[in-house]
Amino acid sequence: MKKLIYTAILVTIGCVTSCSDFLNEQLKVSYTSSNFYTTADNASAAVTGIYNSLYGNTLWVFGDIASDDAVNGAGNDPTDILGINDFTANSANGQLITFWQATYETIARANNAIFYIAPMTIDATLRDRLVGEAKFLRAYSYFNLVNVFGKVPLKLLPQLTSATINVPLSEVPAIYAQIEKDLTEAAAVLPPSSATDRGRATKGG
């Protein structure tokens, strides 16, 4: 029995030792904004990443819970959601914080895509379409923000400097003007809907 235990220990030690090289995989590539936006595939991946960030959006809390569309009969909603329902939420409310952070994450990704994809030397139709999708998603995000908060910082550039990070509140009409501008420019380049575009922004039809 002791021999079997010793054998098992040795085998385990051998596996741990021999697997160390396998587990310590070396980094094969390091991307930055300057070397990522170089191919059509990478540009498409960047825009897909904007859609991915929408999964963190909690707009339903403000659209349903704060209205009469959804009522919890058991009355056991979390405190932060009750604050939205009762219109007593303040800046410490977790639902407000999550919505704010998630929506500005979408905007940041859209700003990066617009800024870096627009000058790329890839197929012009694809390039313009990707920028159009990013502008649509930015407009969608600001539409949600302005409806929940009113005045918000209108950020339209990558967050690379103090000036682009620390943006003051913009007036509501200015925010709606930017939303309309983004949507108009997006509509000019987005294709009609098709089965292959399911889930992506199109001009419909």
Protein backbone atom coordinates (compact mmCIF):
# COMPACT_ATOMS: atom_id res chain seq x y z
CA MET A 1 0.00 0.00 0.00
CA LYS A 2 2.83 2.40 0.89
CA LYS A 3 4.47 1.63 -2.45
CA LEU A 4 1.29 2.62 -4.27
CA ILE A 5 1.05 5.90 -2.33
CA TYR A 6 4.71 6.75 -3.07
CA THR A 7 4.16 5.96 -6.76
CA ALA A 8 1.08 8.20 -6.87
CA ILE A 9 3.01 11.07 -5.26
CA LEU A 10 5.88 10.72 -7.74
CA VAL A 11 3.48 10.66 -10.69
CA THR A 12 1.74 13.77 -9.40
CA ILE A 13 5.05 15.62 -8.94
CA GLY A 14 6.12 14.56 -12.42
CA CYS A 15 2.90 15.86 -13.96
CA VAL A 16 3.17 19.20 -12.18
CA THR A 17 6.79 19.59 -13.27
CA SER A 18 6.25 18.53 -16.87
CA CYS A 19 3.10 20.64 -17.22
CA SER A 20 4.72 23.86 -16.03
CA ASP A 21 6.05 24.71 -19.49
CA PHE A 22 2.67 23.96 -21.03
CA LEU A 23 0.84 26.20 -18.56
CA ASN A 24 3.27 29.10 -18.96
CA GLU A 25 2.28 29.99 -22.51
CA GLN A 26 4.25 32.92 -23.88
CA LEU A 27 2.38 35.99 -25.14
CA LYS A 28 2.37 35.79 -28.93
CA VAL A 29 1.12 39.29 -29.76
CA SER A 30 0.44 42.57 -28.01
CA TYR A 31 -2.15 44.91 -29.50
CA THR A 32 -2.37 48.67 -29.12
CA SER A 33 -4.57 51.15 -30.93
CA SER A 34 -1.71 51.88 -33.33
CA ASN A 35 -1.16 48.28 -34.46
CA PHE A 36 -4.63 46.75 -34.09
CA TYR A 37 -6.52 48.74 -36.71
CA THR A 38 -4.58 47.38 -39.68
CA THR A 39 -6.85 44.74 -41.25
CA ALA A 40 -10.50 44.44 -42.24
CA ASP A 41 -10.94 41.51 -39.84
CA ASN A 42 -9.63 43.55 -36.92
CA ALA A 43 -11.85 46.48 -37.83
CA SER A 44 -14.88 44.16 -37.91
CA ALA A 45 -13.85 42.67 -34.56
CA ALA A 46 -13.65 46.14 -33.03
CA VAL A 47 -17.22 46.93 -34.08
CA THR A 48 -18.44 43.53 -32.90
CA GLY A 49 -16.90 44.44 -29.55
CA ILE A 50 -19.22 47.46 -29.36
CA TYR A 51 -22.25 45.17 -29.65
CA ASN A 52 -20.75 42.91 -26.98
CA SER A 53 -20.67 45.80 -24.50
CA LEU A 54 -24.46 46.18 -24.80
CA TYR A 55 -24.89 43.08 -22.64
CA GLY A 56 -24.01 45.19 -19.60
CA ASN A 57 -26.82 47.65 -20.32
CA THR A 58 -29.55 47.72 -17.65
CA LEU A 59 -31.93 50.05 -19.49
CA TRP A 60 -34.83 47.69 -18.71
CA VAL A 61 -34.71 48.82 -15.08
CA PHE A 62 -35.53 52.40 -16.06
CA GLY A 63 -37.90 51.52 -18.88
CA ASP A 64 -39.92 48.83 -17.08
CA ILE A 65 -39.38 49.02 -13.33
CA ALA A 66 -39.77 52.82 -13.22
CA SER A 67 -43.05 52.54 -15.14
CA ASP A 68 -46.17 50.48 -14.64
CA ASP A 69 -44.97 47.86 -17.12
CA ALA A 70 -43.43 45.67 -14.40
CA VAL A 71 -44.62 45.20 -10.82
CA ASN A 72 -43.12 42.77 -8.33
CA GLY A 73 -46.10 41.41 -6.45
CA ALA A 74 -43.87 39.86 -3.79
CA GLY A 75 -42.33 43.24 -3.01
CA ASN A 76 -38.83 41.78 -2.58
CA ASP A 77 -36.92 43.75 -5.20
CA PRO A 78 -33.34 44.74 -4.27
CA THR A 79 -33.01 48.14 -2.61
CA ASP A 80 -31.39 49.75 -5.65
CA ILE A 81 -34.26 48.66 -7.90
CA LEU A 82 -36.82 49.87 -5.34
CA GLY A 83 -35.09 53.25 -5.45
CA ILE A 84 -35.66 53.41 -9.20
CA ASN A 85 -39.27 52.28 -8.81
CA ASP A 86 -39.98 54.87 -6.09
CA PHE A 87 -37.95 57.66 -7.75
CA THR A 88 -35.80 57.99 -4.62
CA ALA A 89 -32.50 56.89 -6.18
CA ASN A 90 -29.36 58.98 -5.67
CA SER A 91 -25.83 58.89 -7.09
CA ALA A 92 -24.96 55.88 -4.90
CA ASN A 93 -27.66 53.72 -6.50
CA GLY A 94 -26.05 50.60 -7.97
CA GLN A 95 -28.44 50.44 -10.92
CA LEU A 96 -27.60 54.00 -11.94
CA ILE A 97 -23.87 53.34 -11.58
CA THR A 98 -24.02 50.12 -13.61
CA PHE A 99 -26.09 51.74 -16.36
CA TRP A 100 -23.77 54.78 -16.53
CA GLN A 101 -20.58 52.72 -16.65
CA ALA A 102 -21.91 50.18 -19.16
CA THR A 103 -23.27 52.84 -21.50
CA TYR A 104 -20.07 54.88 -21.48
CA GLU A 105 -18.13 51.68 -22.14
CA THR A 106 -20.20 51.27 -25.31
CA ILE A 107 -19.55 54.91 -26.24
CA ALA A 108 -15.81 54.53 -25.63
CA ARG A 109 -15.64 51.50 -27.90
CA ALA A 110 -17.69 53.28 -30.56
CA ASN A 111 -15.47 56.36 -30.39
CA ASN A 112 -12.36 54.22 -30.83
CA ALA A 113 -13.87 52.41 -33.81
CA ILE A 114 -14.98 55.61 -35.52
CA PHE A 115 -11.65 57.34 -34.95
CA TYR A 116 -9.39 54.50 -36.05
CA ILE A 117 -11.45 52.77 -38.76
CA ALA A 118 -12.40 55.89 -40.75
CA PRO A 119 -8.86 56.44 -42.14
CA MET A 120 -8.11 52.75 -42.78
CA THR A 121 -7.18 51.63 -46.31
CA ILE A 122 -9.57 48.70 -46.51
CA ASP A 123 -12.58 48.09 -48.75
CA ALA A 124 -14.41 51.43 -48.70
CA THR A 125 -17.89 49.93 -48.52
CA LEU A 126 -16.98 47.76 -45.52
CA ARG A 127 -15.08 50.61 -43.84
CA ASP A 128 -17.98 53.05 -44.19
CA ARG A 129 -20.45 50.47 -43.02
CA LEU A 130 -18.44 49.68 -39.88
CA VAL A 131 -18.12 53.36 -39.04
CA GLY A 132 -21.87 53.70 -39.65
CA GLU A 133 -22.61 50.88 -37.23
CA ALA A 134 -20.40 52.49 -34.61
CA LYS A 135 -22.16 55.83 -35.06
CA PHE A 136 -25.56 54.17 -34.74
CA LEU A 137 -24.50 52.47 -31.49
CA ARG A 138 -23.09 55.73 -30.14
CA ALA A 139 -26.34 57.53 -30.98
CA TYR A 140 -28.35 54.74 -29.35
CA SER A 141 -26.23 55.02 -26.20
CA TYR A 142 -26.58 58.79 -25.93
CA PHE A 143 -30.32 58.55 -26.57
CA ASN A 144 -30.61 56.25 -23.55
CA LEU A 145 -28.35 58.42 -21.41
CA VAL A 146 -30.11 61.69 -22.14
CA ASN A 147 -33.50 60.12 -21.45
CA VAL A 148 -32.39 58.81 -18.05
CA PHE A 149 -30.06 61.60 -16.87
CA GLY A 150 -30.73 64.67 -18.99
CA LYS A 151 -27.41 66.53 -19.26
CA VAL A 152 -24.42 64.17 -19.66
CA PRO A 153 -20.82 64.54 -20.90
CA LEU A 154 -20.83 64.33 -24.70
CA LYS A 155 -17.67 62.36 -25.45
CA LEU A 156 -16.86 61.89 -29.14
CA LEU A 157 -13.15 61.03 -29.16
CA PRO A 158 -10.96 58.22 -27.77
CA GLN A 159 -10.03 58.70 -24.12
CA LEU A 160 -6.38 59.54 -24.71
CA THR A 161 -5.92 62.90 -22.97
CA SER A 162 -7.23 64.73 -19.94
CA ALA A 163 -9.32 66.92 -22.23
CA THR A 164 -11.12 63.98 -23.82
CA ILE A 165 -11.62 62.24 -20.47
CA ASN A 166 -12.79 65.18 -18.36
CA VAL A 167 -15.63 66.43 -20.53
CA PRO A 168 -18.21 68.74 -18.89
CA LEU A 169 -21.96 68.21 -19.05
CA SER A 170 -23.53 69.08 -22.38
CA GLU A 171 -26.93 70.69 -22.80
CA VAL A 172 -29.75 68.37 -23.83
CA PRO A 173 -30.32 70.03 -27.25
CA ALA A 174 -26.63 69.56 -28.10
CA ILE A 175 -26.83 65.88 -27.22
CA TYR A 176 -29.91 65.38 -29.40
CA ALA A 177 -28.19 67.25 -32.24
CA GLN A 178 -25.28 64.82 -32.08
CA ILE A 179 -27.64 61.85 -31.96
CA GLU A 180 -29.40 63.11 -35.10
CA LYS A 181 -26.06 63.72 -36.83
CA ASP A 182 -24.78 60.22 -36.05
CA LEU A 183 -28.01 58.58 -37.18
CA THR A 184 -28.16 60.58 -40.40
CA GLU A 185 -24.57 59.66 -41.28
CA ALA A 186 -25.17 56.03 -40.34
CA ALA A 187 -28.31 55.79 -42.48
CA ALA A 188 -26.34 56.99 -45.50
CA VAL A 189 -23.94 54.03 -45.41
CA LEU A 190 -25.73 51.15 -43.69
CA PRO A 191 -27.10 48.41 -45.97
CA PRO A 192 -30.70 47.17 -46.02
CA SER A 193 -31.53 44.33 -43.66
CA SER A 194 -30.70 40.80 -44.72
CA ALA A 195 -30.43 37.36 -43.14
CA THR A 196 -26.64 37.67 -42.91
CA ASP A 197 -26.89 40.94 -40.96
CA ARG A 198 -29.16 39.67 -38.23
CA GLY A 199 -28.28 41.38 -34.97
CA ARG A 200 -26.33 44.21 -36.61
CA ALA A 201 -27.44 47.77 -37.35
CA THR A 202 -28.94 48.23 -40.81
CA LYS A 203 -31.22 50.80 -42.41
CA GLY A 204 -34.09 48.30 -42.43
CA GLY A 205 -36.21 47.66 -45.47
